[in-house]
Amino acid sequence: MAKVFLFIGLTVLLGSFKNHNSNNVSIEIDWEQLSSVTFKESWSNKYKMKTQKPVFDAAIKNLDGKQISITGFLIPITTYGNEYVISANPYAGCYFCGNAGIESIIELKFENNNIRFKTDRHSTIEGKLQLSENSDNEFIYVLQNAREVK
């Protein structure tokens, strides 16, 4: 009888390790996967004008809320340098310089807000992907609890 309880205990313990690890594994994505977003015209009550709202395809919607990792260039978005986006392109070629679209960046919400990066640092970042379909205040892609992996 003791062997049965030991076997059951080990099975439950090993099963919990497997589930715990699978929840922490990031899905590695690339910029091409995020580029299939389209946009539709929509009225913004906040800005009292027409704006473009993202329309995400099924593949992108499937990533919403998932732990992902992506490699790109880190670009500060504030003058004090602790708010960043990760971009498919370096600073000179990112969307606000006219060479790409809004889908080529992800807003980063770091676990630790006191970190600083050199502009255009090439890095891999992971975190929980949040799609922002209806926000007038965020980028269309946001990475929550972001952290640098390499």
Protein backbone atom coordinates (compact mmCIF):
# COMPACT_ATOMS: atom_id res chain seq x y z
CA MET A 1 0.00 0.00 0.00
CA ALA A 2 2.85 2.38 0.78
CA LYS A 3 4.24 1.81 -2.74
CA VAL A 4 0.90 2.83 -4.26
CA PHE A 5 0.85 6.09 -2.27
CA LEU A 6 4.48 6.77 -3.17
CA PHE A 7 3.74 6.17 -6.87
CA ILE A 8 0.68 8.44 -6.80
CA GLY A 9 2.60 11.15 -4.92
CA LEU A 10 5.50 11.08 -7.38
CA THR A 11 3.12 11.13 -10.35
CA VAL A 12 1.31 14.20 -9.02
CA LEU A 13 4.59 15.92 -8.14
CA LEU A 14 6.16 15.30 -11.56
CA GLY A 15 2.95 16.34 -13.31
CA SER A 16 2.92 19.66 -11.47
CA PHE A 17 6.51 20.37 -12.58
CA LYS A 18 5.55 19.71 -16.19
CA ASN A 19 2.54 22.06 -16.01
CA HIS A 20 4.52 24.75 -14.22
CA ASN A 21 7.28 24.73 -16.82
CA SER A 22 4.93 24.71 -19.80
CA ASN A 23 3.21 27.86 -18.50
CA ASN A 24 6.52 29.73 -18.33
CA VAL A 25 7.78 28.84 -21.79
CA SER A 26 7.67 31.75 -24.21
CA ILE A 27 6.41 31.40 -27.75
CA GLU A 28 9.13 32.80 -29.98
CA ILE A 29 7.60 35.03 -32.62
CA ASP A 30 8.95 37.24 -35.39
CA TRP A 31 7.88 40.55 -36.85
CA GLU A 32 6.32 38.98 -39.93
CA GLN A 33 3.73 37.27 -37.72
CA LEU A 34 2.63 40.65 -36.37
CA SER A 35 2.51 42.36 -39.76
CA SER A 36 -0.74 40.74 -40.91
CA VAL A 37 -2.82 43.26 -38.95
CA THR A 38 -5.16 45.48 -40.99
CA PHE A 39 -6.88 48.71 -40.01
CA LYS A 40 -10.40 50.11 -40.22
CA GLU A 41 -11.56 53.66 -39.85
CA SER A 42 -13.33 54.40 -36.58
CA TRP A 43 -14.58 57.49 -34.76
CA SER A 44 -12.66 58.47 -31.60
CA ASN A 45 -14.80 60.25 -29.01
CA LYS A 46 -11.63 61.19 -27.17
CA TYR A 47 -10.02 62.97 -30.12
CA LYS A 48 -13.27 63.93 -31.92
CA MET A 49 -11.97 62.62 -35.22
CA LYS A 50 -11.66 59.48 -37.29
CA THR A 51 -8.82 57.16 -36.31
CA GLN A 52 -7.48 53.82 -37.50
CA LYS A 53 -8.34 50.82 -35.31
CA PRO A 54 -6.46 47.53 -35.72
CA VAL A 55 -8.16 44.38 -36.96
CA PHE A 56 -6.17 41.33 -35.86
CA ASP A 57 -6.33 38.05 -37.76
CA ALA A 58 -6.92 34.73 -35.98
CA ALA A 59 -3.20 33.90 -35.72
CA ILE A 60 -2.47 37.17 -33.93
CA LYS A 61 -5.56 36.91 -31.72
CA ASN A 62 -4.34 33.46 -30.66
CA LEU A 63 -1.21 35.12 -29.20
CA ASP A 64 -3.21 37.56 -27.02
CA GLY A 65 -2.43 36.89 -23.37
CA LYS A 66 0.37 34.43 -24.18
CA GLN A 67 3.96 34.61 -22.98
CA ILE A 68 6.00 35.51 -26.08
CA SER A 69 9.56 36.50 -26.93
CA ILE A 70 10.71 38.67 -29.81
CA THR A 71 14.01 40.11 -30.99
CA GLY A 72 14.42 43.69 -32.15
CA PHE A 73 15.83 47.13 -31.41
CA LEU A 74 15.09 48.94 -28.14
CA ILE A 75 14.01 52.57 -28.58
CA PRO A 76 13.18 54.96 -25.71
CA ILE A 77 9.86 56.79 -26.08
CA THR A 78 10.35 59.35 -23.32
CA THR A 79 13.08 61.91 -22.72
CA TYR A 80 13.94 60.43 -19.32
CA GLY A 81 14.60 57.07 -20.99
CA ASN A 82 12.81 54.44 -18.94
CA GLU A 83 9.85 53.80 -21.27
CA TYR A 84 10.65 51.77 -24.36
CA VAL A 85 9.35 50.05 -27.43
CA ILE A 86 10.98 47.16 -29.22
CA SER A 87 11.08 47.69 -32.96
CA ALA A 88 11.65 45.52 -36.00
CA ASN A 89 13.88 48.36 -37.25
CA PRO A 90 16.52 50.59 -35.67
CA TYR A 91 15.56 54.14 -34.65
CA ALA A 92 16.24 55.67 -38.08
CA GLY A 93 13.88 53.19 -39.76
CA CYS A 94 11.08 52.78 -37.22
CA TYR A 95 7.46 53.74 -37.84
CA PHE A 96 7.57 57.28 -36.49
CA CYS A 97 10.41 58.09 -38.91
CA GLY A 98 8.21 57.08 -41.84
CA ASN A 99 9.82 53.81 -42.89
CA ALA A 100 7.48 51.24 -41.30
CA GLY A 101 4.03 50.81 -39.80
CA ILE A 102 2.74 50.84 -36.23
CA GLU A 103 2.70 47.03 -36.37
CA SER A 104 6.52 47.06 -36.42
CA ILE A 105 6.79 48.03 -32.73
CA ILE A 106 5.64 46.71 -29.37
CA GLU A 107 5.22 48.91 -26.30
CA LEU A 108 7.16 47.46 -23.36
CA LYS A 109 5.89 47.51 -19.78
CA PHE A 110 8.93 46.29 -17.85
CA GLU A 111 8.77 44.44 -14.54
CA ASN A 112 11.49 46.83 -13.33
CA ASN A 113 11.02 50.46 -14.43
CA ASN A 114 14.50 51.54 -13.32
CA ILE A 115 16.40 49.96 -16.19
CA ARG A 116 17.99 51.89 -19.02
CA PHE A 117 19.05 50.70 -22.45
CA LYS A 118 21.15 52.27 -25.13
CA THR A 119 19.06 53.32 -28.16
CA ASP A 120 19.05 50.63 -30.86
CA ARG A 121 20.33 47.93 -28.52
CA HIS A 122 19.55 44.67 -30.31
CA SER A 123 17.84 42.44 -27.77
CA THR A 124 15.35 39.67 -27.14
CA ILE A 125 12.47 40.61 -24.83
CA GLU A 126 9.79 38.36 -23.38
CA GLY A 127 6.52 39.07 -21.65
CA LYS A 128 2.77 38.63 -21.88
CA LEU A 129 1.38 39.98 -25.17
CA GLN A 130 -1.65 42.23 -24.94
CA LEU A 131 -3.52 43.32 -28.06
CA SER A 132 -4.96 46.83 -27.87
CA GLU A 133 -7.87 46.94 -30.27
CA ASN A 134 -9.78 49.83 -28.75
CA SER A 135 -7.27 51.93 -26.85
CA ASP A 136 -6.47 55.47 -27.95
CA ASN A 137 -3.61 55.61 -25.43
CA GLU A 138 -1.49 52.56 -26.21
CA PHE A 139 0.30 51.01 -29.11
CA ILE A 140 -1.56 48.13 -30.78
CA TYR A 141 0.87 45.63 -29.24
CA VAL A 142 1.90 45.83 -25.58
CA LEU A 143 4.22 43.44 -23.77
CA GLN A 144 3.30 43.27 -20.07
CA ASN A 145 5.85 42.21 -17.41
CA ALA A 146 8.56 42.55 -20.03
CA ARG A 147 12.11 41.49 -19.32
CA GLU A 148 15.26 41.22 -21.36
CA VAL A 149 16.23 37.63 -22.13
CA LYS A 150 19.36 38.26 -24.20
